[in-house]
């Protein structure tokens, strides 16, 4: 049941995405002037910034997942050892 809730939450967050504008002031000015002249560099710049922003969260999430899985294995081994000792 926990896995179903987690998977549903992740899918919901992937489906519902908001168009965010994450730029420094200089980048924003350059992108706005490019868009006014008919260019598409601003959209690419926004996507690149959001991609770089998401990478640390993905890495921390993967490390946490691996840690959680290994912790469960260690606890199972400890429980088996205690059962065998009795």
PDB file of N, CA and C in Angstrom:
ATOM      1  N   UNK A   1       0.831  -1.195   0.000  1.00  0.00           N
ATOM      2  CA  UNK A   1       0.000   0.000   0.000  1.00  0.00           C
ATOM      3  C   UNK A   1       0.875   1.258   0.000  1.00  0.00           C
ATOM      4  N   UNK A   2       1.994   1.207   0.767  1.00  0.00           N
ATOM      5  CA  UNK A   2       2.886   2.376   0.807  1.00  0.00           C
ATOM      6  C   UNK A   2       3.487   2.651  -0.568  1.00  0.00           C
ATOM      7  N   UNK A   3       3.841   1.570  -1.265  1.00  0.00           N
ATOM      8  CA  UNK A   3       4.444   1.745  -2.584  1.00  0.00           C
ATOM      9  C   UNK A   3       3.455   2.331  -3.576  1.00  0.00           C
ATOM     10  N   UNK A   4       2.207   1.919  -3.478  1.00  0.00           N
ATOM     11  CA  UNK A   4       1.176   2.443  -4.368  1.00  0.00           C
ATOM     12  C   UNK A   4       0.978   3.941  -4.154  1.00  0.00           C
ATOM     13  N   UNK A   5       0.969   4.367  -2.906  1.00  0.00           N
ATOM     14  CA  UNK A   5       0.820   5.791  -2.595  1.00  0.00           C
ATOM     15  C   UNK A   5       2.027   6.572  -3.107  1.00  0.00           C
ATOM     16  N   UNK A   6       3.219   6.033  -2.892  1.00  0.00           N
ATOM     17  CA  UNK A   6       4.441   6.721  -3.346  1.00  0.00           C
ATOM     18  C   UNK A   6       4.480   6.833  -4.863  1.00  0.00           C
ATOM     19  N   UNK A   7       4.146   5.754  -5.554  1.00  0.00           N
ATOM     20  CA  UNK A   7       4.156   5.776  -7.021  1.00  0.00           C
ATOM     21  C   UNK A   7       3.107   6.747  -7.546  1.00  0.00           C
ATOM     22  N   UNK A   8       1.931   6.739  -6.939  1.00  0.00           N
ATOM     23  CA  UNK A   8       0.870   7.665  -7.352  1.00  0.00           C
ATOM     24  C   UNK A   8       1.303   9.112  -7.157  1.00  0.00           C
ATOM     25  N   UNK A   9       1.944   9.399  -6.023  1.00  0.00           N
ATOM     26  CA  UNK A   9       2.410  10.751  -5.751  1.00  0.00           C
ATOM     27  C   UNK A   9       3.456  11.199  -6.770  1.00  0.00           C
ATOM     28  N   UNK A  10       4.402  10.327  -7.083  1.00  0.00           N
ATOM     29  CA  UNK A  10       5.442  10.665  -8.060  1.00  0.00           C
ATOM     30  C   UNK A  10       4.820  10.909  -9.434  1.00  0.00           C
ATOM     31  N   UNK A  11       3.922  10.039  -9.858  1.00  0.00           N
ATOM     32  CA  UNK A  11       3.272  10.220 -11.156  1.00  0.00           C
ATOM     33  C   UNK A  11       2.455  11.504 -11.205  1.00  0.00           C
ATOM     34  N   UNK A  12       1.778  11.802 -10.125  1.00  0.00           N
ATOM     35  CA  UNK A  12       0.997  13.037 -10.070  1.00  0.00           C
ATOM     36  C   UNK A  12       1.901  14.263 -10.183  1.00  0.00           C
ATOM     37  N   UNK A  13       3.028  14.234  -9.495  1.00  0.00           N
ATOM     38  CA  UNK A  13       3.959  15.364  -9.567  1.00  0.00           C
ATOM     39  C   UNK A  13       4.585  15.500 -10.948  1.00  0.00           C
ATOM     40  N   UNK A  14       4.801  14.375 -11.636  1.00  0.00           N
ATOM     41  CA  UNK A  14       5.349  14.441 -12.991  1.00  0.00           C
ATOM     42  C   UNK A  14       4.319  14.954 -13.998  1.00  0.00           C
ATOM     43  N   UNK A  15       3.069  14.576 -13.788  1.00  0.00           N
ATOM     44  CA  UNK A  15       2.019  14.998 -14.720  1.00  0.00           C
ATOM     45  C   UNK A  15       1.684  16.473 -14.535  1.00  0.00           C
ATOM     46  N   UNK A  16       1.565  16.907 -13.290  1.00  0.00           N
ATOM     47  CA  UNK A  16       1.192  18.291 -12.988  1.00  0.00           C
ATOM     48  C   UNK A  16       2.477  19.094 -12.843  1.00  0.00           C
ATOM     49  N   UNK A  17       2.856  19.750 -13.893  1.00  0.00           N
ATOM     50  CA  UNK A  17       4.056  20.585 -13.825  1.00  0.00           C
ATOM     51  C   UNK A  17       3.670  22.029 -14.137  1.00  0.00           C
ATOM     52  N   UNK A  18       4.342  22.912 -13.496  1.00  0.00           N
ATOM     53  CA  UNK A  18       4.069  24.330 -13.675  1.00  0.00           C
ATOM     54  C   UNK A  18       5.193  24.961 -14.484  1.00  0.00           C
ATOM     55  N   UNK A  19       4.843  25.938 -15.291  1.00  0.00           N
ATOM     56  CA  UNK A  19       5.840  26.657 -16.073  1.00  0.00           C
ATOM     57  C   UNK A  19       6.487  27.686 -15.156  1.00  0.00           C
ATOM     58  N   UNK A  20       7.708  27.415 -14.731  1.00  0.00           N
ATOM     59  CA  UNK A  20       8.402  28.288 -13.794  1.00  0.00           C
ATOM     60  C   UNK A  20       9.428  29.142 -14.528  1.00  0.00           C
ATOM     61  N   UNK A  21       9.678  30.309 -14.017  1.00  0.00           N
ATOM     62  CA  UNK A  21      10.689  31.205 -14.571  1.00  0.00           C
ATOM     63  C   UNK A  21      11.793  31.360 -13.530  1.00  0.00           C
ATOM     64  N   UNK A  22      12.870  30.610 -13.696  1.00  0.00           N
ATOM     65  CA  UNK A  22      13.960  30.638 -12.731  1.00  0.00           C
ATOM     66  C   UNK A  22      15.208  31.190 -13.434  1.00  0.00           C
ATOM     67  N   UNK A  23      15.411  32.495 -13.315  1.00  0.00           N
ATOM     68  CA  UNK A  23      16.535  33.123 -13.995  1.00  0.00           C
ATOM     69  C   UNK A  23      17.114  34.237 -13.133  1.00  0.00           C
ATOM     70  N   UNK A  24      18.394  34.475 -13.346  1.00  0.00           N
ATOM     71  CA  UNK A  24      19.009  35.644 -12.726  1.00  0.00           C
ATOM     72  C   UNK A  24      18.583  36.882 -13.533  1.00  0.00           C
ATOM     73  N   UNK A  25      18.734  38.092 -12.985  1.00  0.00           N
ATOM     74  CA  UNK A  25      18.281  39.297 -13.703  1.00  0.00           C
ATOM     75  C   UNK A  25      18.953  39.491 -15.071  1.00  0.00           C
ATOM     76  N   UNK A  26      20.239  39.217 -15.155  1.00  0.00           N
ATOM     77  CA  UNK A  26      20.932  39.408 -16.439  1.00  0.00           C
ATOM     78  C   UNK A  26      20.434  38.410 -17.483  1.00  0.00           C
ATOM     79  N   UNK A  27      20.241  37.171 -17.060  1.00  0.00           N
ATOM     80  CA  UNK A  27      19.736  36.163 -17.993  1.00  0.00           C
ATOM     81  C   UNK A  27      18.317  36.497 -18.423  1.00  0.00           C
ATOM     82  N   UNK A  28      17.529  37.010 -17.478  1.00  0.00           N
ATOM     83  CA  UNK A  28      16.147  37.360 -17.784  1.00  0.00           C
ATOM     84  C   UNK A  28      16.085  38.466 -18.839  1.00  0.00           C
ATOM     85  N   UNK A  29      16.926  39.480 -18.698  1.00  0.00           N
ATOM     86  CA  UNK A  29      16.945  40.582 -19.669  1.00  0.00           C
ATOM     87  C   UNK A  29      17.350  40.072 -21.045  1.00  0.00           C
ATOM     88  N   UNK A  30      18.379  39.224 -21.081  1.00  0.00           N
ATOM     89  CA  UNK A  30      18.835  38.688 -22.367  1.00  0.00           C
ATOM     90  C   UNK A  30      17.762  37.813 -23.005  1.00  0.00           C
ATOM     91  N   UNK A  31      17.099  36.989 -22.206  1.00  0.00           N
ATOM     92  CA  UNK A  31      16.063  36.106 -22.740  1.00  0.00           C
ATOM     93  C   UNK A  31      14.856  36.904 -23.220  1.00  0.00           C
ATOM     94  N   UNK A  32      14.456  37.938 -22.465  1.00  0.00           N
ATOM     95  CA  UNK A  32      13.302  38.755 -22.869  1.00  0.00           C
ATOM     96  C   UNK A  32      13.577  39.490 -24.173  1.00  0.00           C
ATOM     97  N   UNK A  33      14.786  40.014 -24.317  1.00  0.00           N
ATOM     98  CA  UNK A  33      15.097  40.717 -25.566  1.00  0.00           C
ATOM     99  C   UNK A  33      15.132  39.741 -26.736  1.00  0.00           C
ATOM    100  N   UNK A  34      15.586  38.531 -26.486  1.00  0.00           N
ATOM    101  CA  UNK A  34      15.610  37.521 -27.540  1.00  0.00           C
ATOM    102  C   UNK A  34      14.190  37.135 -27.928  1.00  0.00           C
ATOM    103  N   UNK A  35      13.307  36.972 -26.935  1.00  0.00           N
ATOM    104  CA  UNK A  35      11.922  36.595 -27.227  1.00  0.00           C
ATOM    105  C   UNK A  35      11.190  37.713 -27.966  1.00  0.00           C
ATOM    106  N   UNK A  36      11.489  38.975 -27.632  1.00  0.00           N
ATOM    107  CA  UNK A  36      10.857  40.098 -28.318  1.00  0.00           C
ATOM    108  C   UNK A  36      11.242  40.140 -29.784  1.00  0.00           C
ATOM    109  N   UNK A  37      12.444  39.655 -30.100  1.00  0.00           N
ATOM    110  CA  UNK A  37      12.913  39.644 -31.484  1.00  0.00           C
ATOM    111  C   UNK A  37      12.546  38.352 -32.208  1.00  0.00           C
ATOM    112  N   UNK A  38      11.711  37.508 -31.590  1.00  0.00           N
ATOM    113  CA  UNK A  38      11.249  36.294 -32.258  1.00  0.00           C
ATOM    114  C   UNK A  38      12.080  35.060 -31.973  1.00  0.00           C
ATOM    115  N   UNK A  39      13.040  35.130 -31.082  1.00  0.00           N
ATOM    116  CA  UNK A  39      13.878  33.978 -30.761  1.00  0.00           C
ATOM    117  C   UNK A  39      13.228  33.068 -29.736  1.00  0.00           C
ATOM    118  N   UNK A  40      13.838  31.908 -29.544  1.00  0.00           N
ATOM    119  CA  UNK A  40      13.322  30.939 -28.564  1.00  0.00           C
ATOM    120  C   UNK A  40      14.375  30.588 -27.506  1.00  0.00           C
ATOM    121  N   UNK A  41      15.384  31.409 -27.371  1.00  0.00           N
ATOM    122  CA  UNK A  41      16.459  31.110 -26.420  1.00  0.00           C
ATOM    123  C   UNK A  41      15.973  31.161 -24.980  1.00  0.00           C
ATOM    124  N   UNK A  42      14.991  31.983 -24.692  1.00  0.00           N
ATOM    125  CA  UNK A  42      14.481  32.104 -23.326  1.00  0.00           C
ATOM    126  C   UNK A  42      13.857  30.815 -22.812  1.00  0.00           C
ATOM    127  N   UNK A  43      13.112  30.128 -23.661  1.00  0.00           N
ATOM    128  CA  UNK A  43      12.490  28.870 -23.253  1.00  0.00           C
ATOM    129  C   UNK A  43      13.546  27.807 -22.984  1.00  0.00           C
ATOM    130  N   UNK A  44      14.549  27.756 -23.824  1.00  0.00           N
ATOM    131  CA  UNK A  44      15.638  26.801 -23.623  1.00  0.00           C
ATOM    132  C   UNK A  44      16.431  27.111 -22.363  1.00  0.00           C
ATOM    133  N   UNK A  45      16.626  28.383 -22.088  1.00  0.00           N
ATOM    134  CA  UNK A  45      17.350  28.800 -20.885  1.00  0.00           C
ATOM    135  C   UNK A  45      16.575  28.400 -19.636  1.00  0.00           C
ATOM    136  N   UNK A  46      15.269  28.615 -19.631  1.00  0.00           N
ATOM    137  CA  UNK A  46      14.435  28.198 -18.501  1.00  0.00           C
ATOM    138  C   UNK A  46      14.501  26.692 -18.286  1.00  0.00           C
ATOM    139  N   UNK A  47      14.385  25.934 -19.362  1.00  0.00           N
ATOM    140  CA  UNK A  47      14.438  24.469 -19.243  1.00  0.00           C
ATOM    141  C   UNK A  47      15.788  24.003 -18.719  1.00  0.00           C
ATOM    142  N   UNK A  48      16.859  24.619 -19.163  1.00  0.00           N
ATOM    143  CA  UNK A  48      18.194  24.248 -18.695  1.00  0.00           C
ATOM    144  C   UNK A  48      18.381  24.533 -17.212  1.00  0.00           C
ATOM    145  N   UNK A  49      17.883  25.671 -16.764  1.00  0.00           N
ATOM    146  CA  UNK A  49      18.000  26.031 -15.354  1.00  0.00           C
ATOM    147  C   UNK A  49      17.195  25.061 -14.495  1.00  0.00           C
ATOM    148  N   UNK A  50      15.987  24.735 -14.904  1.00  0.00           N
ATOM    149  CA  UNK A  50      15.163  23.802 -14.143  1.00  0.00           C
ATOM    150  C   UNK A  50      15.772  22.401 -14.125  1.00  0.00           C
ATOM    151  N   UNK A  51      16.387  22.000 -15.225  1.00  0.00           N
ATOM    152  CA  UNK A  51      17.069  20.699 -15.282  1.00  0.00           C
ATOM    153  C   UNK A  51      18.218  20.657 -14.282  1.00  0.00           C
ATOM    154  N   UNK A  52      19.032  21.700 -14.261  1.00  0.00           N
ATOM    155  CA  UNK A  52      20.161  21.740 -13.318  1.00  0.00           C
ATOM    156  C   UNK A  52      19.679  21.819 -11.876  1.00  0.00           C
ATOM    157  N   UNK A  53      18.550  22.463 -11.646  1.00  0.00           N
ATOM    158  CA  UNK A  53      18.004  22.579 -10.305  1.00  0.00           C
ATOM    159  C   UNK A  53      17.464  21.240  -9.804  1.00  0.00           C
ATOM    160  N   UNK A  54      16.934  20.427 -10.688  1.00  0.00           N
ATOM    161  CA  UNK A  54      16.330  19.159 -10.273  1.00  0.00           C
ATOM    162  C   UNK A  54      17.362  18.064 -10.007  1.00  0.00           C
ATOM    163  N   UNK A  55      18.523  18.141 -10.603  1.00  0.00           N
ATOM    164  CA  UNK A  55      19.522  17.080 -10.474  1.00  0.00           C
ATOM    165  C   UNK A  55      19.945  16.814  -9.026  1.00  0.00           C
ATOM    166  N   UNK A  56      20.239  17.817  -8.198  1.00  0.00           N
ATOM    167  CA  UNK A  56      20.606  17.513  -6.807  1.00  0.00           C
ATOM    168  C   UNK A  56      19.494  16.795  -6.040  1.00  0.00           C
ATOM    169  N   UNK A  57      18.243  17.147  -6.305  1.00  0.00           N
ATOM    170  CA  UNK A  57      17.131  16.483  -5.626  1.00  0.00           C
ATOM    171  C   UNK A  57      17.021  15.016  -6.039  1.00  0.00           C
ATOM    172  N   UNK A  58      17.246  14.738  -7.306  1.00  0.00           N
ATOM    173  CA  UNK A  58      17.207  13.361  -7.780  1.00  0.00           C
ATOM    174  C   UNK A  58      18.339  12.560  -7.136  1.00  0.00           C
ATOM    175  N   UNK A  59      19.533  13.129  -7.077  1.00  0.00           N
ATOM    176  CA  UNK A  59      20.668  12.421  -6.470  1.00  0.00           C
ATOM    177  C   UNK A  59      20.429  12.156  -4.986  1.00  0.00           C
ATOM    178  N   UNK A  60      19.935  13.137  -4.265  1.00  0.00           N
ATOM    179  CA  UNK A  60      19.657  12.945  -2.838  1.00  0.00           C
ATOM    180  C   UNK A  60      18.561  11.893  -2.656  1.00  0.00           C
ATOM    181  N   UNK A  61      17.559  11.908  -3.504  1.00  0.00           N
ATOM    182  CA  UNK A  61      16.506  10.903  -3.439  1.00  0.00           C
ATOM    183  C   UNK A  61      17.033   9.498  -3.685  1.00  0.00           C
ATOM    184  N   UNK A  62      17.925   9.336  -4.669  1.00  0.00           N
ATOM    185  CA  UNK A  62      18.512   8.025  -4.944  1.00  0.00           C
ATOM    186  C   UNK A  62      19.372   7.541  -3.778  1.00  0.00           C
ATOM    187  N   UNK A  63      20.164   8.431  -3.213  1.00  0.00           N
ATOM    188  CA  UNK A  63      20.992   8.055  -2.063  1.00  0.00           C
ATOM    189  C   UNK A  63      20.104   7.643  -0.892  1.00  0.00           C
ATOM    190  N   UNK A  64      19.040   8.385  -0.641  1.00  0.00           N
ATOM    191  CA  UNK A  64      18.112   8.040   0.431  1.00  0.00           C
ATOM    192  C   UNK A  64      17.434   6.699   0.195  1.00  0.00           C
ATOM    193  N   UNK A  65      17.057   6.413  -1.044  1.00  0.00           N
ATOM    194  CA  UNK A  65      16.416   5.144  -1.374  1.00  0.00           C
ATOM    195  C   UNK A  65      17.365   3.975  -1.152  1.00  0.00           C
ATOM    196  N   UNK A  66      18.605   4.109  -1.627  1.00  0.00           N
ATOM    197  CA  UNK A  66      19.598   3.045  -1.437  1.00  0.00           C
ATOM    198  C   UNK A  66      19.869   2.838   0.044  1.00  0.00           C
ATOM    199  N   UNK A  67      19.996   3.925   0.794  1.00  0.00           N
ATOM    200  CA  UNK A  67      20.219   3.822   2.240  1.00  0.00           C
ATOM    201  C   UNK A  67      19.065   3.100   2.912  1.00  0.00           C
ATOM    202  N   UNK A  68      17.832   3.446   2.549  1.00  0.00           N
ATOM    203  CA  UNK A  68      16.645   2.830   3.139  1.00  0.00           C
ATOM    204  C   UNK A  68      16.615   1.327   2.843  1.00  0.00           C
ATOM    205  N   UNK A  69      16.882   0.948   1.603  1.00  0.00           N
ATOM    206  CA  UNK A  69      16.871  -0.469   1.233  1.00  0.00           C
ATOM    207  C   UNK A  69      17.955  -1.234   1.986  1.00  0.00           C
ATOM    208  N   UNK A  70      19.156  -0.681   2.090  1.00  0.00           N
ATOM    209  CA  UNK A  70      20.239  -1.361   2.803  1.00  0.00           C
ATOM    210  C   UNK A  70      19.938  -1.444   4.294  1.00  0.00           C
ATOM    211  N   UNK A  71      19.318  -0.450   4.866  1.00  0.00           N
ATOM    212  CA  UNK A  71      18.971  -0.467   6.284  1.00  0.00           C
ATOM    213  C   UNK A  71      17.977  -1.581   6.582  1.00  0.00           C
ATOM    214  N   UNK A  72      17.015  -1.770   5.694  1.00  0.00           N
ATOM    215  CA  UNK A  72      16.041  -2.849   5.875  1.00  0.00           C
ATOM    216  C   UNK A  72      16.714  -4.214   5.809  1.00  0.00           C
ATOM    217  N   UNK A  73      17.681  -4.390   4.912  1.00  0.00           N
ATOM    218  CA  UNK A  73      18.393  -5.667   4.804  1.00  0.00           C
ATOM    219  C   UNK A  73      19.185  -5.945   6.075  1.00  0.00           C
ATOM    220  N   UNK A  74      19.830  -4.934   6.633  1.00  0.00           N
ATOM    221  CA  UNK A  74      20.605  -5.105   7.852  1.00  0.00           C
ATOM    222  C   UNK A  74      19.685  -5.490   9.007  1.00  0.00           C
ATOM    223  N   UNK A  75      18.534  -4.827   9.117  1.00  0.00           N
ATOM    224  CA  UNK A  75      17.581  -5.153  10.184  1.00  0.00           C
ATOM    225  C   UNK A  75      17.047  -6.569  10.033  1.00  0.00           C
ATOM    226  N   UNK A  76      16.800  -7.023   8.812  1.00  0.00           N
ATOM    227  CA  UNK A  76      16.340  -8.390   8.590  1.00  0.00           C
ATOM    228  C   UNK A  76      17.406  -9.390   9.010  1.00  0.00           C
ATOM    229  N   UNK A  77      18.667  -9.111   8.696  1.00  0.00           N
ATOM    230  CA  UNK A  77      19.762 -10.001   9.083  1.00  0.00           C
ATOM    231  C   UNK A  77      19.899 -10.061  10.600  1.00  0.00           C
ATOM    232  N   UNK A  78      19.734  -8.944  11.273  1.00  0.00           N
ATOM    233  CA  UNK A  78      19.815  -8.914  12.745  1.00  0.00           C
ATOM    234  C   UNK A  78      18.680  -9.741  13.339  1.00  0.00           C
ATOM    235  N   UNK A  79      17.464  -9.597  12.786  1.00  0.00           N
ATOM    236  CA  UNK A  79      16.322 -10.362  13.277  1.00  0.00           C
ATOM    237  C   UNK A  79      16.526 -11.863  13.071  1.00  0.00           C
ATOM    238  N   UNK A  80      17.100 -12.259  11.920  1.00  0.00           N
ATOM    239  CA  UNK A  80      17.370 -13.665  11.659  1.00  0.00           C
ATOM    240  C   UNK A  80      18.412 -14.215  12.625  1.00  0.00           C
ATOM    241  N   UNK A  81      19.416 -13.436  12.930  1.00  0.00           N
ATOM    242  CA  UNK A  81      20.459 -13.863  13.857  1.00  0.00           C
ATOM    243  C   UNK A  81      19.887 -14.064  15.250  1.00  0.00           C
ATOM    244  N   UNK A  82      19.002 -13.170  15.684  1.00  0.00           N
ATOM    245  CA  UNK A  82      18.380 -13.294  17.002  1.00  0.00           C
ATOM    246  C   UNK A  82      17.494 -14.529  17.050  1.00  0.00           C
ATOM    247  N   UNK A  83      16.772 -14.817  15.969  1.00  0.00           N
ATOM    248  CA  UNK A  83      15.884 -15.976  15.904  1.00  0.00           C
ATOM    249  C   UNK A  83      16.692 -17.270  15.980  1.00  0.00           C
ATOM    250  N   UNK A  84      17.820 -17.316  15.289  1.00  0.00           N
ATOM    251  CA  UNK A  84      18.672 -18.497  15.291  1.00  0.00           C
ATOM    252  C   UNK A  84      19.305 -18.723  16.658  1.00  0.00           C
ATOM    253  N   UNK A  85      19.610 -17.645  17.390  1.00  0.00           N
ATOM    254  CA  UNK A  85      20.225 -17.771  18.695  1.00  0.00           C
ATOM    255  C   UNK A  85      19.276 -18.359  19.733  1.00  0.00           C
ATOM    256  N   UNK A  86      17.993 -18.159  19.503  1.00  0.00           N
ATOM    257  CA  UNK A  86      16.984 -18.665  20.467  1.00  0.00           C
ATOM    258  C   UNK A  86      16.738 -20.078  20.163  1.00  0.00           C
TER     259      UNK A  86
END
